[in-house]
Amino acid sequence: MTLNQFEQSVKNNLPSDLDSLKSRDMCFGAAVSGGADSIALLLSLSHILKQYKIPLKVVSINHNIRSYEESYGDCLFVKDVCNELYQRGFDVTCEIIEIEAGKVLELASERKNGIEEAARILRYSIFEKFIYQNNIKYFCIAHNQNDQLETLLMRFLQGSSVDALQGIKNHNQIIRPLINLERSEIEKYLRSQNYSWRTDSTNENTSYLRNNIRKNLISFLNEHFYGWKTAVLNGGKKAEQDSFIINQILDTIPVEKNKDECSIEKNIFESQPDGLKNRILLKMCNSLSLENRIPYVFLQDFISALSCGKVFEKKYSDLIFCCEKNKIFVKKYTNLKTDLSFFAIIEKDGMYTFPFGSVYISQSSGKCNFQFNDYYCSAKIQFPFILRNQEIDDEICCKDGKFKKIIDIYSDWKVSEDARNFIPVIQKLENNQEIIGIFGEFLGYKNWIVI
């Protein structure tokens, strides 16, 4: 079989040891969602690997974020394409893996970094397990040049570190053979092969930052800034070079690592330039919890507090930052939730049971109604939402538009430490998942509803 120009470009992005994989009884893997990019990846890999008699094992993941019919339908579409390829003599198999309904939303609520990030964490966890179970040498993901540009713009707008400004990179066994191919080339290839693809309805939702960049910012740049794509991609390459040098310097700075904590001598830390201080703290965080993204403002606040010379600690997510006995520590904080913690996704009328008792929740006339024993109230809140107890970093909007920590509100209300675990917090499921209410009245405190 002769490879066409598109397939040859994909092959050029693959590792050079394909000849040796068959003799070692190893295979390729690929994540295929049903979209144009992943279907093009599936087809091109099938043609390339057939020449080397290397099996291709495909995984299609149902995140259970959209309607079941749509998201599981995507997976069935992928399986049908794989079956059709298998019948044509390609060594392709497909496995559908489902993430438990509500799991993505639950993780997004815990981490407060949005649904996309939570879905990515769960997805890559599945990838790692799939790679191990199937003896996969290289696992392919269908990121293309358009994805790379969107990522670089998104990270710039988020004020990301120089590491993040490198863009999407291969990591260990995970490779991206389409990374230098444009979306227009991908769709042209699929049409030439007479293959269709599925379209994710959430791609039109501009409340997601990536979609907003794709729909609005990139359109503006294309119209008004000739050559911007080359400039942005080159910026990513420069960031990669800078990051390499910085990481070499970081490797010379002594940081102690134990199971649940990292530390560095305070005098060594304070002798470093400010830019390196941030990087040292990030390195300590990553060695304890790779999925934490610590805001620059938080790190700067911690570094400024060190100048006071007092014993103190600051918490972010599941990490504690502190200075003790002339050492700076980053420690895992393992007591974020007590035995009384609760979490429920409220999507429809019904009775919901919590540690403090059962609440009947219903919706009518644009309002949500809460009934607990003899207590009844209603508020302008729409399904779906999350009802849970407070977490350390929770904040809620005040009348003046500023945000206030919920733990400070509980202090104002004179709520005891134990009672705080019972008071329900209401959190949106959509957009930025902001907290929109505190229901304390039926437990003898107050309500705080953001309208």
Protein backbone atom coordinates (compact mmCIF):
# COMPACT_ATOMS: atom_id res chain seq x y z
CA MET A 1 0.00 0.00 0.00
CA THR A 2 1.36 3.39 -1.03
CA LEU A 3 0.96 6.23 1.45
CA ASN A 4 -0.53 9.50 0.22
CA GLN A 5 0.98 12.90 1.09
CA PHE A 6 -1.05 13.33 4.29
CA GLU A 7 -0.17 9.85 5.58
CA GLN A 8 3.48 10.42 4.75
CA SER A 9 3.42 13.62 6.84
CA VAL A 10 1.94 11.64 9.74
CA LYS A 11 4.58 8.93 9.35
CA ASN A 12 7.34 11.55 9.43
CA ASN A 13 6.11 12.52 12.91
CA LEU A 14 6.27 8.96 14.23
CA PRO A 15 9.31 7.46 16.03
CA SER A 16 11.91 5.80 13.82
CA ASP A 17 11.86 2.36 15.48
CA LEU A 18 8.71 0.98 13.81
CA ASP A 19 10.59 -1.95 12.27
CA SER A 20 11.53 -3.33 15.69
CA LEU A 21 8.10 -3.15 17.37
CA LYS A 22 6.56 -6.23 15.74
CA SER A 23 9.46 -8.44 16.81
CA ARG A 24 8.95 -7.26 20.39
CA ASP A 25 5.20 -8.01 20.29
CA MET A 26 4.34 -4.37 20.94
CA CYS A 27 1.65 -2.18 19.43
CA PHE A 28 0.41 1.37 18.93
CA GLY A 29 -2.52 2.91 20.75
CA ALA A 30 -4.74 5.86 19.86
CA ALA A 31 -7.42 7.97 21.51
CA VAL A 32 -10.30 8.44 19.08
CA SER A 33 -13.30 10.60 19.94
CA GLY A 34 -15.08 10.57 16.60
CA GLY A 35 -14.14 14.12 15.61
CA ALA A 36 -12.37 14.90 12.35
CA ASP A 37 -8.89 15.03 13.90
CA SER A 38 -9.10 11.67 15.64
CA ILE A 39 -10.75 9.90 12.70
CA ALA A 40 -7.96 11.18 10.43
CA LEU A 41 -5.44 9.92 12.99
CA LEU A 42 -7.14 6.52 13.07
CA LEU A 43 -7.19 6.15 9.27
CA SER A 44 -3.66 7.35 8.65
CA LEU A 45 -2.19 5.20 11.44
CA SER A 46 -4.07 2.17 10.14
CA HIS A 47 -2.48 2.60 6.70
CA ILE A 48 0.99 3.27 8.06
CA LEU A 49 1.08 0.48 10.64
CA LYS A 50 -0.26 -2.11 8.21
CA GLN A 51 3.02 -1.82 6.31
CA TYR A 52 4.90 -2.83 9.48
CA LYS A 53 2.31 -5.39 10.66
CA ILE A 54 1.90 -3.47 13.93
CA PRO A 55 -1.51 -3.72 15.70
CA LEU A 56 -3.42 -0.55 16.56
CA LYS A 57 -5.52 -0.53 19.74
CA VAL A 58 -8.07 2.27 19.97
CA VAL A 59 -9.82 3.64 23.05
CA SER A 60 -12.90 5.85 22.84
CA ILE A 61 -14.00 7.54 26.07
CA ASN A 62 -17.52 8.59 27.02
CA HIS A 63 -17.08 11.40 29.55
CA ASN A 64 -20.82 11.51 30.28
CA ILE A 65 -20.85 15.32 30.17
CA ARG A 66 -23.20 15.76 27.22
CA SER A 67 -26.41 13.79 26.67
CA TYR A 68 -25.83 10.05 26.77
CA GLU A 69 -27.23 9.64 23.27
CA GLU A 70 -24.70 12.10 21.84
CA SER A 71 -21.59 11.15 23.81
CA TYR A 72 -22.07 7.38 23.69
CA GLY A 73 -23.15 7.75 20.06
CA ASP A 74 -19.69 9.19 19.32
CA CYS A 75 -18.09 6.09 20.84
CA LEU A 76 -20.30 3.74 18.82
CA PHE A 77 -19.38 5.68 15.67
CA VAL A 78 -15.67 5.13 16.42
CA LYS A 79 -16.25 1.44 17.07
CA ASP A 80 -18.08 1.09 13.74
CA VAL A 81 -15.18 2.73 11.88
CA CYS A 82 -12.70 0.40 13.61
CA ASN A 83 -14.83 -2.65 12.78
CA GLU A 84 -15.02 -1.55 9.15
CA LEU A 85 -11.23 -1.17 9.02
CA TYR A 86 -10.76 -4.59 10.64
CA GLN A 87 -13.00 -6.19 8.02
CA ARG A 88 -10.82 -4.57 5.34
CA GLY A 89 -7.73 -6.30 6.74
CA PHE A 90 -6.36 -3.68 9.12
CA ASP A 91 -5.26 -4.91 12.56
CA VAL A 92 -7.43 -2.44 14.48
CA THR A 93 -9.46 -3.08 17.64
CA CYS A 94 -11.53 -0.67 19.72
CA GLU A 95 -12.52 -0.45 23.39
CA ILE A 96 -15.16 1.93 24.74
CA ILE A 97 -14.55 3.17 28.29
CA GLU A 98 -17.15 5.19 30.20
CA ILE A 99 -16.43 7.66 32.98
CA GLU A 100 -19.09 7.39 35.65
CA ALA A 101 -21.86 9.96 35.19
CA GLY A 102 -21.23 13.01 37.39
CA LYS A 103 -17.56 12.13 38.00
CA VAL A 104 -16.22 14.94 35.79
CA LEU A 105 -18.49 17.50 37.43
CA GLU A 106 -17.56 16.29 40.89
CA LEU A 107 -13.84 16.58 40.18
CA ALA A 108 -14.35 20.00 38.58
CA SER A 109 -16.10 21.17 41.73
CA GLU A 110 -13.32 19.85 43.97
CA ARG A 111 -10.52 21.43 41.95
CA LYS A 112 -12.31 24.65 40.91
CA ASN A 113 -10.51 24.70 37.55
CA GLY A 114 -13.42 23.92 35.26
CA ILE A 115 -14.96 20.96 33.50
CA GLU A 116 -12.35 20.81 30.72
CA GLU A 117 -9.48 20.37 33.16
CA ALA A 118 -11.34 17.73 35.19
CA ALA A 119 -12.20 15.78 32.03
CA ARG A 120 -8.57 15.93 30.93
CA ILE A 121 -7.32 14.55 34.26
CA LEU A 122 -9.75 11.61 34.17
CA ARG A 123 -9.07 11.00 30.48
CA TYR A 124 -5.30 10.83 30.88
CA SER A 125 -5.68 8.51 33.85
CA ILE A 126 -7.58 6.14 31.56
CA PHE A 127 -4.89 6.51 28.89
CA GLU A 128 -2.16 5.47 31.33
CA LYS A 129 -4.07 2.35 32.38
CA PHE A 130 -4.90 1.50 28.76
CA ILE A 131 -1.24 1.80 27.74
CA TYR A 132 -0.13 -0.52 30.56
CA GLN A 133 -2.82 -3.15 30.02
CA ASN A 134 -2.26 -3.40 26.25
CA ASN A 135 1.55 -3.37 26.09
CA ILE A 136 1.48 -0.18 24.02
CA LYS A 137 4.78 1.31 22.96
CA TYR A 138 3.42 4.60 21.63
CA PHE A 139 0.03 6.13 22.32
CA CYS A 140 -1.22 8.72 19.82
CA ILE A 141 -3.45 11.74 20.45
CA ALA A 142 -4.95 13.80 17.61
CA HIS A 143 -3.83 17.29 18.59
CA ASN A 144 -3.12 19.31 15.46
CA GLN A 145 -1.55 22.68 14.64
CA ASN A 146 -4.82 24.52 15.29
CA ASP A 147 -4.95 22.98 18.78
CA GLN A 148 -1.37 24.08 19.35
CA LEU A 149 -2.15 27.67 18.40
CA GLU A 150 -5.27 27.73 20.61
CA THR A 151 -3.30 26.32 23.52
CA LEU A 152 -0.49 28.87 23.19
CA LEU A 153 -2.98 31.75 23.04
CA MET A 154 -4.97 30.36 25.96
CA ARG A 155 -1.91 29.95 28.16
CA PHE A 156 -0.67 33.43 27.29
CA LEU A 157 -4.04 34.89 28.31
CA GLN A 158 -3.91 32.88 31.54
CA GLY A 159 -0.48 34.30 32.40
CA SER A 160 1.13 30.86 32.36
CA SER A 161 4.78 30.08 33.11
CA VAL A 162 7.45 29.69 30.46
CA ASP A 163 7.04 25.90 30.73
CA ALA A 164 3.36 26.12 29.79
CA LEU A 165 4.13 28.56 26.96
CA GLN A 166 5.91 25.75 25.13
CA GLY A 167 2.45 24.54 24.14
CA ILE A 168 1.45 20.91 23.64
CA LYS A 169 4.43 18.59 23.93
CA ASN A 170 4.98 14.85 23.58
CA HIS A 171 5.45 13.16 26.93
CA ASN A 172 7.02 9.74 27.41
CA GLN A 173 4.90 7.28 25.38
CA ILE A 174 2.26 9.84 24.39
CA ILE A 175 2.88 11.34 20.94
CA ARG A 176 0.97 13.66 18.61
CA PRO A 177 1.56 12.79 14.94
CA LEU A 178 -0.80 15.50 13.61
CA ILE A 179 0.73 18.38 15.57
CA ASN A 180 2.12 20.21 12.50
CA LEU A 181 -0.92 19.57 10.28
CA GLU A 182 -3.69 22.14 9.90
CA ARG A 183 -7.36 21.36 10.38
CA SER A 184 -8.05 22.18 6.70
CA GLU A 185 -5.55 19.48 5.64
CA ILE A 186 -7.21 16.99 7.98
CA GLU A 187 -10.71 17.57 6.59
CA LYS A 188 -9.39 17.45 3.01
CA TYR A 189 -7.80 14.05 3.76
CA LEU A 190 -11.03 12.67 5.23
CA ARG A 191 -13.04 13.79 2.24
CA SER A 192 -10.52 12.14 -0.09
CA GLN A 193 -10.99 8.89 1.87
CA ASN A 194 -14.81 9.23 1.84
CA TYR A 195 -15.03 9.26 5.64
CA SER A 196 -17.32 11.42 7.76
CA TRP A 197 -16.86 12.49 11.35
CA ARG A 198 -18.85 13.55 14.40
CA THR A 199 -19.11 17.10 15.79
CA ASP A 200 -19.18 17.77 19.54
CA SER A 201 -22.07 20.16 20.30
CA THR A 202 -20.09 21.75 23.15
CA ASN A 203 -17.61 23.12 20.60
CA GLU A 204 -20.09 25.96 20.00
CA ASN A 205 -20.21 26.95 23.69
CA THR A 206 -18.01 30.04 24.00
CA SER A 207 -18.21 29.98 27.79
CA TYR A 208 -15.28 27.57 27.47
CA LEU A 209 -12.09 29.61 27.04
CA ARG A 210 -10.71 27.44 24.23
CA ASN A 211 -13.93 27.71 22.24
CA ASN A 212 -14.04 31.47 22.80
CA ILE A 213 -10.49 31.78 21.49
CA ARG A 214 -11.29 29.60 18.48
CA LYS A 215 -14.53 31.37 17.59
CA ASN A 216 -13.62 34.98 18.33
CA LEU A 217 -9.94 35.73 18.93
CA ILE A 218 -8.52 33.60 16.11
CA SER A 219 -11.06 35.00 13.65
CA PHE A 220 -9.95 38.51 14.65
CA LEU A 221 -6.25 37.65 14.33
CA ASN A 222 -6.78 36.06 10.91
CA GLU A 223 -8.50 39.20 9.69
CA HIS A 224 -6.18 41.84 11.14
CA PHE A 225 -2.74 40.30 11.86
CA TYR A 226 -1.02 38.65 8.93
CA GLY A 227 1.63 36.11 9.98
CA TRP A 228 0.45 35.77 13.58
CA LYS A 229 0.44 31.97 13.45
CA THR A 230 4.15 31.75 12.63
CA ALA A 231 4.95 34.29 15.35
CA VAL A 232 2.99 32.37 18.00
CA LEU A 233 4.49 28.99 17.05
CA ASN A 234 7.99 30.47 17.08
CA GLY A 235 7.25 31.94 20.50
CA GLY A 236 6.49 28.43 21.71
CA LYS A 237 9.84 27.18 20.41
CA LYS A 238 11.67 30.05 22.16
CA ALA A 239 9.84 29.25 25.41
CA GLU A 240 11.01 25.64 25.08
CA GLN A 241 14.63 26.78 24.81
CA ASP A 242 14.29 29.15 27.78
CA SER A 243 12.60 26.48 29.87
CA PHE A 244 15.43 24.03 29.20
CA ILE A 245 18.01 26.50 30.53
CA ILE A 246 15.93 27.40 33.59
CA ASN A 247 15.35 23.75 34.45
CA GLN A 248 19.08 23.08 34.27
CA ILE A 249 19.62 25.83 36.86
CA LEU A 250 16.78 24.48 39.03
CA ASP A 251 18.44 21.06 39.10
CA THR A 252 21.44 22.61 40.89
CA ILE A 253 19.32 24.02 43.75
CA PRO A 254 19.04 21.54 46.66
CA VAL A 255 15.44 20.58 47.49
CA GLU A 256 14.66 17.74 49.90
CA LYS A 257 11.77 15.43 49.03
CA ASN A 258 9.99 13.10 51.42
CA LYS A 259 6.76 11.18 50.92
CA ASP A 260 4.33 14.00 51.70
CA GLU A 261 6.52 17.10 51.80
CA CYS A 262 9.31 19.02 50.11
CA SER A 263 11.62 21.49 51.79
CA ILE A 264 14.47 23.89 51.09
CA GLU A 265 16.73 25.86 53.41
CA LYS A 266 15.32 29.36 53.82
CA ASN A 267 18.68 31.08 53.29
CA ILE A 268 19.22 29.18 50.02
CA PHE A 269 15.71 30.06 48.83
CA GLU A 270 16.03 33.75 49.70
CA SER A 271 19.37 34.02 47.89
CA GLN A 272 17.71 33.18 44.55
CA PRO A 273 16.33 35.73 42.05
CA ASP A 274 12.58 36.30 42.31
CA GLY A 275 11.89 34.44 39.07
CA LEU A 276 13.61 31.33 40.36
CA LYS A 277 11.79 31.50 43.69
CA ASN A 278 8.51 30.97 41.85
CA ARG A 279 9.98 28.08 39.90
CA ILE A 280 11.39 26.42 43.03
CA LEU A 281 7.99 26.50 44.70
CA LEU A 282 6.30 25.15 41.57
CA LYS A 283 8.85 22.35 41.36
CA MET A 284 8.15 21.44 45.00
CA CYS A 285 4.40 21.46 44.32
CA ASN A 286 4.68 19.32 41.21
CA SER A 287 6.78 16.72 42.99
CA LEU A 288 3.91 16.25 45.45
CA SER A 289 0.89 16.70 43.20
CA LEU A 290 1.33 16.92 39.45
CA GLU A 291 -2.24 18.06 38.84
CA ASN A 292 -2.11 21.21 40.95
CA ARG A 293 -1.90 24.53 39.12
CA ILE A 294 -0.82 27.10 41.67
CA PRO A 295 -1.67 30.73 40.76
CA TYR A 296 1.21 33.15 40.33
CA VAL A 297 -0.50 35.62 42.69
CA PHE A 298 -0.61 33.01 45.46
CA LEU A 299 3.09 32.24 45.10
CA GLN A 300 3.97 35.93 45.13
CA ASP A 301 1.88 36.45 48.25
CA PHE A 302 3.69 33.58 49.98
CA ILE A 303 7.14 34.89 48.98
CA SER A 304 6.22 38.36 50.28
CA ALA A 305 5.01 36.89 53.58
CA LEU A 306 8.38 35.18 54.09
CA SER A 307 10.01 38.58 54.59
CA CYS A 308 8.09 38.97 57.88
CA GLY A 309 10.22 36.26 59.48
CA LYS A 310 7.29 34.76 61.40
CA VAL A 311 6.01 31.18 61.61
CA PHE A 312 2.97 30.99 59.35
CA GLU A 313 1.26 28.79 56.80
CA LYS A 314 -0.88 29.26 53.72
CA LYS A 315 -3.11 26.66 52.08
CA TYR A 316 -3.98 26.16 48.44
CA SER A 317 -6.00 23.17 47.24
CA ASP A 318 -4.45 20.10 48.89
CA LEU A 319 -1.11 21.77 49.69
CA ILE A 320 0.24 23.70 52.70
CA PHE A 321 3.03 26.28 52.30
CA CYS A 322 4.88 27.20 55.49
CA CYS A 323 8.18 28.31 57.01
CA GLU A 324 9.46 26.48 60.08
CA LYS A 325 12.90 26.32 61.71
CA ASN A 326 14.65 28.16 58.89
CA LYS A 327 13.18 25.83 56.28
CA ILE A 328 10.48 26.41 53.70
CA PHE A 329 8.03 23.53 53.32
CA VAL A 330 5.37 22.49 50.84
CA LYS A 331 3.29 19.70 52.36
CA LYS A 332 0.32 17.62 51.34
CA TYR A 333 -2.81 18.53 53.24
CA THR A 334 -4.82 15.35 53.64
CA ASN A 335 -7.71 16.59 55.78
CA LEU A 336 -9.58 18.69 53.27
CA LYS A 337 -12.86 16.93 53.94
CA THR A 338 -14.17 15.56 57.22
CA ASP A 339 -16.27 12.45 57.68
CA LEU A 340 -19.29 14.77 57.45
CA SER A 341 -18.49 16.01 53.94
CA PHE A 342 -21.25 15.75 51.35
CA PHE A 343 -21.68 16.38 47.64
CA ALA A 344 -24.74 15.98 45.42
CA ILE A 345 -25.62 16.99 41.88
CA ILE A 346 -29.19 18.31 41.86
CA GLU A 347 -30.76 17.86 38.43
CA LYS A 348 -34.45 17.20 39.14
CA ASP A 349 -37.19 17.31 41.77
CA GLY A 350 -36.74 14.86 44.61
CA MET A 351 -35.75 14.05 48.17
CA TYR A 352 -32.02 14.34 48.85
CA THR A 353 -30.36 12.98 51.98
CA PHE A 354 -27.42 14.70 53.67
CA PRO A 355 -25.61 14.30 57.02
CA PHE A 356 -27.90 16.95 58.56
CA GLY A 357 -31.12 15.31 57.26
CA SER A 358 -33.29 15.02 54.15
CA VAL A 359 -34.30 17.98 51.99
CA TYR A 360 -37.03 17.95 49.35
CA ILE A 361 -35.92 20.09 46.40
CA SER A 362 -38.22 21.09 43.56
CA GLN A 363 -38.34 23.68 40.82
CA SER A 364 -41.27 25.83 39.69
CA SER A 365 -41.88 29.27 38.18
CA GLY A 366 -38.17 29.89 37.65
CA LYS A 367 -37.32 29.23 41.29
CA CYS A 368 -35.90 26.37 43.33
CA ASN A 369 -37.80 25.33 46.46
CA PHE A 370 -36.17 23.77 49.53
CA GLN A 371 -38.17 22.00 52.24
CA PHE A 372 -36.48 20.64 55.38
CA ASN A 373 -38.85 19.47 58.13
CA ASP A 374 -41.05 22.54 58.79
CA TYR A 375 -38.64 24.96 57.09
CA TYR A 376 -39.40 26.16 53.56
CA CYS A 377 -37.73 28.70 51.27
CA SER A 378 -37.27 29.42 47.58
CA ALA A 379 -34.64 31.20 45.52
CA LYS A 380 -33.99 32.12 41.87
CA ILE A 381 -31.76 29.11 41.20
CA GLN A 382 -32.06 26.75 38.23
CA PHE A 383 -31.26 23.07 37.82
CA PRO A 384 -28.66 21.66 37.58
CA PHE A 385 -26.45 22.69 40.49
CA ILE A 386 -24.23 21.17 43.16
CA LEU A 387 -25.12 21.07 46.85
CA ARG A 388 -22.13 20.42 49.10
CA ASN A 389 -20.38 21.59 52.24
CA GLN A 390 -17.70 24.29 52.16
CA GLU A 391 -14.07 23.80 51.23
CA ILE A 392 -11.09 25.82 52.40
CA ASP A 393 -10.76 28.22 49.45
CA ASP A 394 -14.45 28.77 48.71
CA GLU A 395 -15.47 32.36 47.94
CA ILE A 396 -18.82 33.98 47.20
CA CYS A 397 -19.75 37.30 45.59
CA CYS A 398 -20.84 40.24 47.76
CA LYS A 399 -23.26 43.05 46.87
CA ASP A 400 -20.36 45.33 45.92
CA GLY A 401 -19.09 42.78 43.39
CA LYS A 402 -16.10 41.76 45.49
CA PHE A 403 -15.58 38.22 46.73
CA LYS A 404 -15.44 37.04 50.32
CA LYS A 405 -14.20 33.75 51.72
CA ILE A 406 -17.00 31.58 53.07
CA ILE A 407 -14.95 30.69 56.15
CA ASP A 408 -14.88 34.42 56.96
CA ILE A 409 -18.65 34.59 56.54
CA TYR A 410 -19.04 31.67 58.95
CA SER A 411 -16.83 33.52 61.41
CA ASP A 412 -19.06 36.60 61.10
CA TRP A 413 -22.09 34.40 61.71
CA LYS A 414 -20.32 32.83 64.71
CA VAL A 415 -20.74 29.31 63.29
CA SER A 416 -18.78 26.70 65.26
CA GLU A 417 -16.11 24.63 63.49
CA ASP A 418 -18.22 21.47 63.69
CA ALA A 419 -21.41 23.14 62.47
CA ARG A 420 -19.66 24.53 59.38
CA ASN A 421 -19.52 21.03 57.90
CA PHE A 422 -23.33 20.84 57.84
CA ILE A 423 -24.18 24.11 56.06
CA PRO A 424 -24.95 23.54 52.36
CA VAL A 425 -23.16 25.58 49.70
CA ILE A 426 -24.76 25.92 46.26
CA GLN A 427 -22.48 25.85 43.23
CA LYS A 428 -23.21 26.23 39.53
CA LEU A 429 -22.40 23.35 37.20
CA GLU A 430 -21.97 25.51 34.12
CA ASN A 431 -19.46 28.14 33.00
CA ASN A 432 -17.00 28.99 35.81
CA GLN A 433 -18.89 26.93 38.41
CA GLU A 434 -19.13 29.86 40.79
CA ILE A 435 -20.73 29.53 44.21
CA ILE A 436 -24.15 31.19 44.16
CA GLY A 437 -25.55 30.48 47.60
CA ILE A 438 -25.15 29.45 51.22
CA PHE A 439 -28.20 27.89 52.89
CA GLY A 440 -27.80 28.21 56.62
CA GLU A 441 -31.20 29.52 57.67
CA PHE A 442 -32.86 26.14 58.17
CA LEU A 443 -30.01 25.25 60.55
CA GLY A 444 -30.46 28.44 62.54
CA TYR A 445 -28.01 30.70 60.68
CA LYS A 446 -28.51 32.89 57.60
CA ASN A 447 -28.89 32.53 53.86
CA TRP A 448 -26.56 34.20 51.35
CA ILE A 449 -27.95 34.08 47.81
CA VAL A 450 -26.21 35.68 44.83
CA ILE A 451 -28.79 37.02 42.36
